[in-house]
Amino acid sequence: MRVLALIIFTILINPTTYALKAHTANYKLSINGFKIAEEVRTLHKLDKHYFYTANARTSGLAAFIKDYSIAASSTFSTNRQGVNAIHYQIIEQEDGELVKNYAIDIHSKNHTVVSILTKTQPKIKTWHSKDGNIVDPLSLFLALSNDLEHNPNQSIFTYQVTNGKSIEQHQYKRTNGHLLKINDQSVKAIKVSRINANNNNIKAYFLSKYQYLPVLIEQNKGNKRYTYTLTNLQIKNEVKDKLQVSF
């Protein structure tokens, strides 16, 4: 256990240990290799908090079949444990009609998550968490990015994840040195796999060069293979990178 003096000294010499950089990341979503949607994720740095948004919509031929969009947002802070969510909301629409709208306030210090009244969430519910930080489905990958960068010797990461329906314990395993091909060049990525869910075999690949953000996310459900691929990244005050990621 670290003594108080050591903690204070560490904070003084490195006050921005858990600072995340503002950025905009573009992803494409494919099912079995067929592109169906595009998504833009943007991280804003506020005074003491962060505001993270994701906006996805069907594109190309898929848009002619179904006009589907998802808008999600997460407000969170960071502490010595990592990312700590404060508020989360998600809105899904199909052909202009509201399908789902969930919103929650997250109070990790009080070990509670409280729902907010919406059209598809007509009753206020309260969930109780364990000690420690809580993240939502949107801030989860930033929590992983943050922890991969600042805990290079840690192989197992555990999170409390709330989505407006429940609080679940997620566990992820880190494996270094997985080869990806980006712009026809082989690079070593960090592979992260969820290990405590039989029906959620999600895998994500992170690169230190790109702020430890996921460049590729993949998941198999039945006979369908879902992939999220990073195609564009703009880190605030830095040069834009255009990426094509493949094995």
C-alpha atoms as a PDB file:
ATOM      1  CA  MET A   1       0.000   0.000   0.000  1.00  0.00           C
ATOM      2  CA  ARG A   2       1.416   3.383  -0.948  1.00  0.00           C
ATOM      3  CA  VAL A   3       1.982   5.841   1.869  1.00  0.00           C
ATOM      4  CA  LEU A   4       0.271   9.209   1.757  1.00  0.00           C
ATOM      5  CA  ALA A   5       3.515  11.101   1.161  1.00  0.00           C
ATOM      6  CA  LEU A   6       4.258   9.033  -1.934  1.00  0.00           C
ATOM      7  CA  ILE A   7       0.772   9.640  -3.317  1.00  0.00           C
ATOM      8  CA  ILE A   8       1.076  13.390  -2.802  1.00  0.00           C
ATOM      9  CA  PHE A   9       4.535  13.410  -4.381  1.00  0.00           C
ATOM     10  CA  THR A  10       3.278  11.487  -7.419  1.00  0.00           C
ATOM     11  CA  ILE A  11       0.393  13.914  -7.900  1.00  0.00           C
ATOM     12  CA  LEU A  12       2.715  16.907  -7.645  1.00  0.00           C
ATOM     13  CA  ILE A  13       5.194  15.680 -10.244  1.00  0.00           C
ATOM     14  CA  ASN A  14       2.581  14.266 -12.591  1.00  0.00           C
ATOM     15  CA  PRO A  15      -0.733  16.121 -12.157  1.00  0.00           C
ATOM     16  CA  THR A  16      -2.123  15.055 -15.560  1.00  0.00           C
ATOM     17  CA  THR A  17      -1.587  11.325 -15.202  1.00  0.00           C
ATOM     18  CA  TYR A  18      -5.098  10.557 -16.355  1.00  0.00           C
ATOM     19  CA  ALA A  19      -5.531  13.280 -18.974  1.00  0.00           C
ATOM     20  CA  LEU A  20      -7.239  12.157 -22.179  1.00  0.00           C
ATOM     21  CA  LYS A  21      -6.759  14.142 -25.382  1.00  0.00           C
ATOM     22  CA  ALA A  22      -9.711  15.704 -27.164  1.00  0.00           C
ATOM     23  CA  HIS A  23     -10.251  13.999 -30.513  1.00  0.00           C
ATOM     24  CA  THR A  24     -12.663  12.968 -33.253  1.00  0.00           C
ATOM     25  CA  ALA A  25     -12.604   9.359 -34.464  1.00  0.00           C
ATOM     26  CA  ASN A  26     -14.482   7.941 -37.463  1.00  0.00           C
ATOM     27  CA  TYR A  27     -15.462   4.279 -37.599  1.00  0.00           C
ATOM     28  CA  LYS A  28     -17.205   2.085 -40.128  1.00  0.00           C
ATOM     29  CA  LEU A  29     -19.408  -0.808 -39.039  1.00  0.00           C
ATOM     30  CA  SER A  30     -19.497  -3.945 -41.168  1.00  0.00           C
ATOM     31  CA  ILE A  31     -21.376  -7.226 -40.913  1.00  0.00           C
ATOM     32  CA  ASN A  32     -19.655 -10.180 -42.593  1.00  0.00           C
ATOM     33  CA  GLY A  33     -17.524  -7.698 -44.536  1.00  0.00           C
ATOM     34  CA  PHE A  34     -20.485  -5.647 -45.790  1.00  0.00           C
ATOM     35  CA  LYS A  35     -20.439  -1.999 -44.676  1.00  0.00           C
ATOM     36  CA  ILE A  36     -23.727  -0.969 -43.086  1.00  0.00           C
ATOM     37  CA  ALA A  37     -23.017   2.183 -41.059  1.00  0.00           C
ATOM     38  CA  GLU A  38     -20.628   4.977 -40.185  1.00  0.00           C
ATOM     39  CA  GLU A  39     -20.011   6.395 -36.736  1.00  0.00           C
ATOM     40  CA  VAL A  40     -18.310   9.538 -35.436  1.00  0.00           C
ATOM     41  CA  ARG A  41     -17.020   9.667 -31.857  1.00  0.00           C
ATOM     42  CA  THR A  42     -15.892  12.978 -30.390  1.00  0.00           C
ATOM     43  CA  LEU A  43     -14.240  13.662 -27.041  1.00  0.00           C
ATOM     44  CA  HIS A  44     -14.441  17.194 -25.607  1.00  0.00           C
ATOM     45  CA  LYS A  45     -12.397  18.302 -22.600  1.00  0.00           C
ATOM     46  CA  LEU A  46     -14.455  20.486 -20.277  1.00  0.00           C
ATOM     47  CA  ASP A  47     -13.254  22.289 -17.151  1.00  0.00           C
ATOM     48  CA  LYS A  48     -13.169  19.298 -14.807  1.00  0.00           C
ATOM     49  CA  HIS A  49     -15.036  16.736 -16.879  1.00  0.00           C
ATOM     50  CA  TYR A  50     -15.111  15.144 -20.309  1.00  0.00           C
ATOM     51  CA  PHE A  51     -18.024  14.978 -22.722  1.00  0.00           C
ATOM     52  CA  TYR A  52     -17.990  12.066 -25.186  1.00  0.00           C
ATOM     53  CA  THR A  53     -20.466  11.613 -28.028  1.00  0.00           C
ATOM     54  CA  ALA A  54     -21.121   8.907 -30.607  1.00  0.00           C
ATOM     55  CA  ASN A  55     -23.370   9.331 -33.638  1.00  0.00           C
ATOM     56  CA  ALA A  56     -23.954   6.373 -35.950  1.00  0.00           C
ATOM     57  CA  ARG A  57     -26.203   6.020 -38.996  1.00  0.00           C
ATOM     58  CA  THR A  58     -26.753   3.427 -41.678  1.00  0.00           C
ATOM     59  CA  SER A  59     -24.997   4.291 -44.928  1.00  0.00           C
ATOM     60  CA  GLY A  60     -24.708   3.102 -48.520  1.00  0.00           C
ATOM     61  CA  LEU A  61     -27.036   0.318 -49.607  1.00  0.00           C
ATOM     62  CA  ALA A  62     -27.955  -0.442 -46.002  1.00  0.00           C
ATOM     63  CA  ALA A  63     -29.554   2.994 -45.671  1.00  0.00           C
ATOM     64  CA  PHE A  64     -31.994   2.133 -48.464  1.00  0.00           C
ATOM     65  CA  ILE A  65     -33.131  -0.926 -46.517  1.00  0.00           C
ATOM     66  CA  LYS A  66     -33.415   0.782 -43.136  1.00  0.00           C
ATOM     67  CA  ASP A  67     -32.711   4.315 -41.942  1.00  0.00           C
ATOM     68  CA  TYR A  68     -31.349   3.624 -38.485  1.00  0.00           C
ATOM     69  CA  SER A  69     -29.440   6.010 -36.220  1.00  0.00           C
ATOM     70  CA  ILE A  70     -27.970   5.947 -32.733  1.00  0.00           C
ATOM     71  CA  ALA A  71     -26.866   8.971 -30.725  1.00  0.00           C
ATOM     72  CA  ALA A  72     -25.159   8.409 -27.389  1.00  0.00           C
ATOM     73  CA  SER A  73     -23.376  10.692 -24.962  1.00  0.00           C
ATOM     74  CA  SER A  74     -21.325  10.234 -21.818  1.00  0.00           C
ATOM     75  CA  THR A  75     -20.115  12.759 -19.277  1.00  0.00           C
ATOM     76  CA  PHE A  76     -17.302  11.488 -17.091  1.00  0.00           C
ATOM     77  CA  SER A  77     -14.327  12.486 -14.989  1.00  0.00           C
ATOM     78  CA  THR A  78     -11.020  10.778 -14.239  1.00  0.00           C
ATOM     79  CA  ASN A  79      -9.354   9.913 -10.966  1.00  0.00           C
ATOM     80  CA  ARG A  80      -6.538   7.654  -9.842  1.00  0.00           C
ATOM     81  CA  GLN A  81      -8.732   4.636 -10.553  1.00  0.00           C
ATOM     82  CA  GLY A  82      -9.324   5.779 -14.129  1.00  0.00           C
ATOM     83  CA  VAL A  83     -12.512   6.822 -15.925  1.00  0.00           C
ATOM     84  CA  ASN A  84     -15.570   7.476 -13.767  1.00  0.00           C
ATOM     85  CA  ALA A  85     -18.929   8.073 -15.495  1.00  0.00           C
ATOM     86  CA  ILE A  86     -21.366  10.779 -14.372  1.00  0.00           C
ATOM     87  CA  HIS A  87     -24.184  10.744 -16.938  1.00  0.00           C
ATOM     88  CA  TYR A  88     -25.105   8.566 -19.905  1.00  0.00           C
ATOM     89  CA  GLN A  89     -27.840   8.766 -22.540  1.00  0.00           C
ATOM     90  CA  ILE A  90     -28.648   6.844 -25.692  1.00  0.00           C
ATOM     91  CA  ILE A  91     -31.297   7.518 -28.340  1.00  0.00           C
ATOM     92  CA  GLU A  92     -32.096   5.081 -31.154  1.00  0.00           C
ATOM     93  CA  GLN A  93     -34.336   5.927 -34.102  1.00  0.00           C
ATOM     94  CA  GLU A  94     -35.625   3.837 -36.993  1.00  0.00           C
ATOM     95  CA  ASP A  95     -37.086   5.549 -40.078  1.00  0.00           C
ATOM     96  CA  GLY A  96     -37.543   8.711 -38.019  1.00  0.00           C
ATOM     97  CA  GLU A  97     -39.379   6.968 -35.163  1.00  0.00           C
ATOM     98  CA  LEU A  98     -38.004   6.738 -31.625  1.00  0.00           C
ATOM     99  CA  VAL A  99     -37.070   3.172 -30.732  1.00  0.00           C
ATOM    100  CA  LYS A 100     -35.161   3.579 -27.481  1.00  0.00           C
ATOM    101  CA  ASN A 101     -34.179   6.405 -25.148  1.00  0.00           C
ATOM    102  CA  TYR A 102     -32.354   5.651 -21.912  1.00  0.00           C
ATOM    103  CA  ALA A 103     -30.730   8.205 -19.607  1.00  0.00           C
ATOM    104  CA  ILE A 104     -29.024   7.685 -16.246  1.00  0.00           C
ATOM    105  CA  ASP A 105     -27.171   9.643 -13.581  1.00  0.00           C
ATOM    106  CA  ILE A 106     -24.226   7.793 -12.079  1.00  0.00           C
ATOM    107  CA  HIS A 107     -23.003   8.342  -8.516  1.00  0.00           C
ATOM    108  CA  SER A 108     -20.075   6.032  -7.835  1.00  0.00           C
ATOM    109  CA  LYS A 109     -19.303   7.597  -4.440  1.00  0.00           C
ATOM    110  CA  ASN A 110     -22.831   6.762  -3.314  1.00  0.00           C
ATOM    111  CA  HIS A 111     -22.770   3.389  -5.085  1.00  0.00           C
ATOM    112  CA  THR A 112     -25.910   4.187  -7.059  1.00  0.00           C
ATOM    113  CA  VAL A 113     -27.148   4.612 -10.610  1.00  0.00           C
ATOM    114  CA  VAL A 114     -30.490   6.393 -11.082  1.00  0.00           C
ATOM    115  CA  SER A 115     -32.562   6.435 -14.262  1.00  0.00           C
ATOM    116  CA  ILE A 116     -34.098   9.604 -15.704  1.00  0.00           C
ATOM    117  CA  LEU A 117     -37.647   9.657 -17.026  1.00  0.00           C
ATOM    118  CA  THR A 118     -37.870   9.334 -20.823  1.00  0.00           C
ATOM    119  CA  LYS A 119     -40.514   8.238 -23.323  1.00  0.00           C
ATOM    120  CA  THR A 120     -39.249   4.639 -23.344  1.00  0.00           C
ATOM    121  CA  GLN A 121     -38.192   4.669 -19.683  1.00  0.00           C
ATOM    122  CA  PRO A 122     -41.359   5.823 -17.863  1.00  0.00           C
ATOM    123  CA  LYS A 123     -40.330   4.784 -14.339  1.00  0.00           C
ATOM    124  CA  ILE A 124     -37.404   5.895 -12.208  1.00  0.00           C
ATOM    125  CA  LYS A 125     -35.189   2.990 -11.205  1.00  0.00           C
ATOM    126  CA  THR A 126     -32.179   2.792  -8.922  1.00  0.00           C
ATOM    127  CA  TRP A 127     -29.349   0.280  -9.105  1.00  0.00           C
ATOM    128  CA  HIS A 128     -26.701  -0.276  -6.434  1.00  0.00           C
ATOM    129  CA  SER A 129     -23.054  -0.763  -7.326  1.00  0.00           C
ATOM    130  CA  LYS A 130     -19.960  -2.000  -5.566  1.00  0.00           C
ATOM    131  CA  ASP A 131     -17.080   0.206  -4.457  1.00  0.00           C
ATOM    132  CA  GLY A 132     -15.058   1.845  -7.202  1.00  0.00           C
ATOM    133  CA  ASN A 133     -15.596   3.630 -10.472  1.00  0.00           C
ATOM    134  CA  ILE A 134     -18.515   2.998 -12.815  1.00  0.00           C
ATOM    135  CA  VAL A 135     -18.441   3.343 -16.595  1.00  0.00           C
ATOM    136  CA  ASP A 136     -21.122   3.238 -19.283  1.00  0.00           C
ATOM    137  CA  PRO A 137     -21.030   1.432 -22.661  1.00  0.00           C
ATOM    138  CA  LEU A 138     -19.670   4.549 -24.383  1.00  0.00           C
ATOM    139  CA  SER A 139     -16.936   5.498 -21.926  1.00  0.00           C
ATOM    140  CA  LEU A 140     -15.897   1.854 -21.465  1.00  0.00           C
ATOM    141  CA  PHE A 141     -13.426   1.879 -24.356  1.00  0.00           C
ATOM    142  CA  LEU A 142     -11.903   5.144 -23.161  1.00  0.00           C
ATOM    143  CA  ALA A 143     -11.524   3.514 -19.736  1.00  0.00           C
ATOM    144  CA  LEU A 144      -9.662   0.674 -21.433  1.00  0.00           C
ATOM    145  CA  SER A 145      -7.545   3.135 -23.441  1.00  0.00           C
ATOM    146  CA  ASN A 146      -6.661   5.018 -20.282  1.00  0.00           C
ATOM    147  CA  ASP A 147      -5.802   1.883 -18.315  1.00  0.00           C
ATOM    148  CA  LEU A 148      -3.772   0.297 -21.114  1.00  0.00           C
ATOM    149  CA  GLU A 149      -1.613   3.408 -21.272  1.00  0.00           C
ATOM    150  CA  HIS A 150      -1.104   3.942 -17.550  1.00  0.00           C
ATOM    151  CA  ASN A 151      -0.958   0.311 -16.388  1.00  0.00           C
ATOM    152  CA  PRO A 152       1.399  -1.372 -18.896  1.00  0.00           C
ATOM    153  CA  ASN A 153       2.098  -4.362 -16.617  1.00  0.00           C
ATOM    154  CA  GLN A 154      -1.541  -5.129 -15.850  1.00  0.00           C
ATOM    155  CA  SER A 155      -3.118  -7.989 -17.809  1.00  0.00           C
ATOM    156  CA  ILE A 156      -6.665  -8.182 -16.366  1.00  0.00           C
ATOM    157  CA  PHE A 157      -9.003  -5.174 -16.183  1.00  0.00           C
ATOM    158  CA  THR A 158     -12.326  -5.181 -14.355  1.00  0.00           C
ATOM    159  CA  TYR A 159     -15.121  -2.619 -14.765  1.00  0.00           C
ATOM    160  CA  GLN A 160     -18.600  -1.927 -13.459  1.00  0.00           C
ATOM    161  CA  VAL A 161     -20.626  -1.129 -16.573  1.00  0.00           C
ATOM    162  CA  THR A 162     -24.113   0.375 -16.468  1.00  0.00           C
ATOM    163  CA  ASN A 163     -26.356   0.882 -19.499  1.00  0.00           C
ATOM    164  CA  GLY A 164     -29.670   2.068 -18.052  1.00  0.00           C
ATOM    165  CA  LYS A 165     -30.949  -1.467 -17.585  1.00  0.00           C
ATOM    166  CA  SER A 166     -28.467  -3.007 -15.139  1.00  0.00           C
ATOM    167  CA  ILE A 167     -24.942  -2.920 -13.730  1.00  0.00           C
ATOM    168  CA  GLU A 168     -22.620  -5.681 -14.924  1.00  0.00           C
ATOM    169  CA  GLN A 169     -19.099  -6.694 -14.042  1.00  0.00           C
ATOM    170  CA  HIS A 170     -16.863  -6.854 -17.129  1.00  0.00           C
ATOM    171  CA  GLN A 171     -13.430  -8.446 -17.213  1.00  0.00           C
ATOM    172  CA  TYR A 172     -10.944  -8.004 -20.041  1.00  0.00           C
ATOM    173  CA  LYS A 173      -7.619  -9.660 -20.737  1.00  0.00           C
ATOM    174  CA  ARG A 174      -4.709  -7.844 -22.340  1.00  0.00           C
ATOM    175  CA  THR A 175      -2.323  -9.494 -24.824  1.00  0.00           C
ATOM    176  CA  ASN A 176       0.566  -7.517 -26.291  1.00  0.00           C
ATOM    177  CA  GLY A 177       2.189  -7.875 -29.707  1.00  0.00           C
ATOM    178  CA  HIS A 178      -0.765  -8.796 -31.932  1.00  0.00           C
ATOM    179  CA  LEU A 179       0.051  -7.997 -35.562  1.00  0.00           C
ATOM    180  CA  LEU A 180      -2.261  -5.743 -37.586  1.00  0.00           C
ATOM    181  CA  LYS A 181      -1.710  -4.322 -41.042  1.00  0.00           C
ATOM    182  CA  ILE A 182      -2.277  -0.581 -41.381  1.00  0.00           C
ATOM    183  CA  ASN A 183      -1.538   1.162 -44.682  1.00  0.00           C
ATOM    184  CA  ASP A 184       0.233  -2.030 -45.831  1.00  0.00           C
ATOM    185  CA  GLN A 185       2.587  -1.942 -42.857  1.00  0.00           C
ATOM    186  CA  SER A 186       2.598  -4.500 -40.042  1.00  0.00           C
ATOM    187  CA  VAL A 187       2.284  -2.977 -36.573  1.00  0.00           C
ATOM    188  CA  LYS A 188       2.063  -4.514 -33.130  1.00  0.00           C
ATOM    189  CA  ALA A 189      -1.225  -3.833 -31.389  1.00  0.00           C
ATOM    190  CA  ILE A 190      -2.583  -4.542 -27.917  1.00  0.00           C
ATOM    191  CA  LYS A 191      -5.373  -7.098 -28.060  1.00  0.00           C
ATOM    192  CA  VAL A 192      -8.089  -6.938 -25.400  1.00  0.00           C
ATOM    193  CA  SER A 193     -10.673  -9.726 -25.051  1.00  0.00           C
ATOM    194  CA  ARG A 194     -13.644  -9.974 -22.727  1.00  0.00           C
ATOM    195  CA  ILE A 195     -13.246 -13.112 -20.654  1.00  0.00           C
ATOM    196  CA  ASN A 196     -16.234 -13.346 -18.308  1.00  0.00           C
ATOM    197  CA  ALA A 197     -19.179 -13.507 -20.738  1.00  0.00           C
ATOM    198  CA  ASN A 198     -20.018 -16.604 -22.767  1.00  0.00           C
ATOM    199  CA  ASN A 199     -22.237 -14.775 -25.253  1.00  0.00           C
ATOM    200  CA  ASN A 200     -20.084 -11.671 -25.654  1.00  0.00           C
ATOM    201  CA  ASN A 201     -16.756 -12.617 -27.224  1.00  0.00           C
ATOM    202  CA  ILE A 202     -15.796  -9.064 -28.072  1.00  0.00           C
ATOM    203  CA  LYS A 203     -12.197  -8.345 -29.049  1.00  0.00           C
ATOM    204  CA  ALA A 204     -10.591  -4.947 -29.520  1.00  0.00           C
ATOM    205  CA  TYR A 205      -7.171  -3.858 -30.766  1.00  0.00           C
ATOM    206  CA  PHE A 206      -5.453  -0.706 -29.499  1.00  0.00           C
ATOM    207  CA  LEU A 207      -2.392   1.202 -30.714  1.00  0.00           C
ATOM    208  CA  SER A 208      -0.229   3.452 -28.552  1.00  0.00           C
ATOM    209  CA  LYS A 209       0.473   5.581 -31.645  1.00  0.00           C
ATOM    210  CA  TYR A 210      -3.195   6.564 -31.770  1.00  0.00           C
ATOM    211  CA  GLN A 211      -3.725   7.563 -28.133  1.00  0.00           C
ATOM    212  CA  TYR A 212      -4.397   3.936 -27.207  1.00  0.00           C
ATOM    213  CA  LEU A 213      -7.761   4.172 -28.971  1.00  0.00           C
ATOM    214  CA  PRO A 214      -9.279   1.011 -30.473  1.00  0.00           C
ATOM    215  CA  VAL A 215      -8.460   0.729 -34.175  1.00  0.00           C
ATOM    216  CA  LEU A 216     -10.454  -2.470 -34.656  1.00  0.00           C
ATOM    217  CA  ILE A 217     -13.325  -4.003 -32.656  1.00  0.00           C
ATOM    218  CA  GLU A 218     -14.848  -7.344 -33.601  1.00  0.00           C
ATOM    219  CA  GLN A 219     -17.602  -9.551 -32.261  1.00  0.00           C
ATOM    220  CA  ASN A 220     -19.264 -12.758 -33.442  1.00  0.00           C
ATOM    221  CA  LYS A 221     -22.982 -13.330 -32.894  1.00  0.00           C
ATOM    222  CA  GLY A 222     -24.245 -16.563 -34.397  1.00  0.00           C
ATOM    223  CA  ASN A 223     -23.197 -16.600 -38.040  1.00  0.00           C
ATOM    224  CA  LYS A 224     -22.613 -12.844 -38.158  1.00  0.00           C
ATOM    225  CA  ARG A 225     -19.256 -11.166 -37.693  1.00  0.00           C
ATOM    226  CA  TYR A 226     -19.464  -7.519 -36.633  1.00  0.00           C
ATOM    227  CA  THR A 227     -16.436  -5.270 -37.069  1.00  0.00           C
ATOM    228  CA  TYR A 228     -15.765  -1.648 -36.168  1.00  0.00           C
ATOM    229  CA  THR A 229     -12.806  -0.230 -38.059  1.00  0.00           C
ATOM    230  CA  LEU A 230     -11.159   3.114 -37.378  1.00  0.00           C
ATOM    231  CA  THR A 231     -10.916   5.032 -40.657  1.00  0.00           C
ATOM    232  CA  ASN A 232     -10.058   8.560 -39.591  1.00  0.00           C
ATOM    233  CA  LEU A 233      -8.594  10.148 -36.496  1.00  0.00           C
ATOM    234  CA  GLN A 234      -8.163  13.811 -35.625  1.00  0.00           C
ATOM    235  CA  ILE A 235      -6.457  14.490 -32.317  1.00  0.00           C
ATOM    236  CA  LYS A 236      -6.826  18.120 -31.295  1.00  0.00           C
ATOM    237  CA  ASN A 237      -3.844  20.232 -32.391  1.00  0.00           C
ATOM    238  CA  GLU A 238      -2.254  17.269 -34.184  1.00  0.00           C
ATOM    239  CA  VAL A 239      -2.080  16.094 -37.806  1.00  0.00           C
ATOM    240  CA  LYS A 240      -5.039  14.068 -39.135  1.00  0.00           C
ATOM    241  CA  ASP A 241      -4.384  10.384 -39.873  1.00  0.00           C
ATOM    242  CA  LYS A 242      -6.313   8.355 -42.416  1.00  0.00           C
ATOM    243  CA  LEU A 243      -6.280   4.679 -41.607  1.00  0.00           C
ATOM    244  CA  GLN A 244      -7.261   1.446 -43.288  1.00  0.00           C
ATOM    245  CA  VAL A 245      -6.967  -1.408 -40.821  1.00  0.00           C
ATOM    246  CA  SER A 246      -6.806  -5.097 -41.783  1.00  0.00           C
ATOM    247  CA  PHE A 247      -5.028  -8.275 -40.746  1.00  0.00           C
END
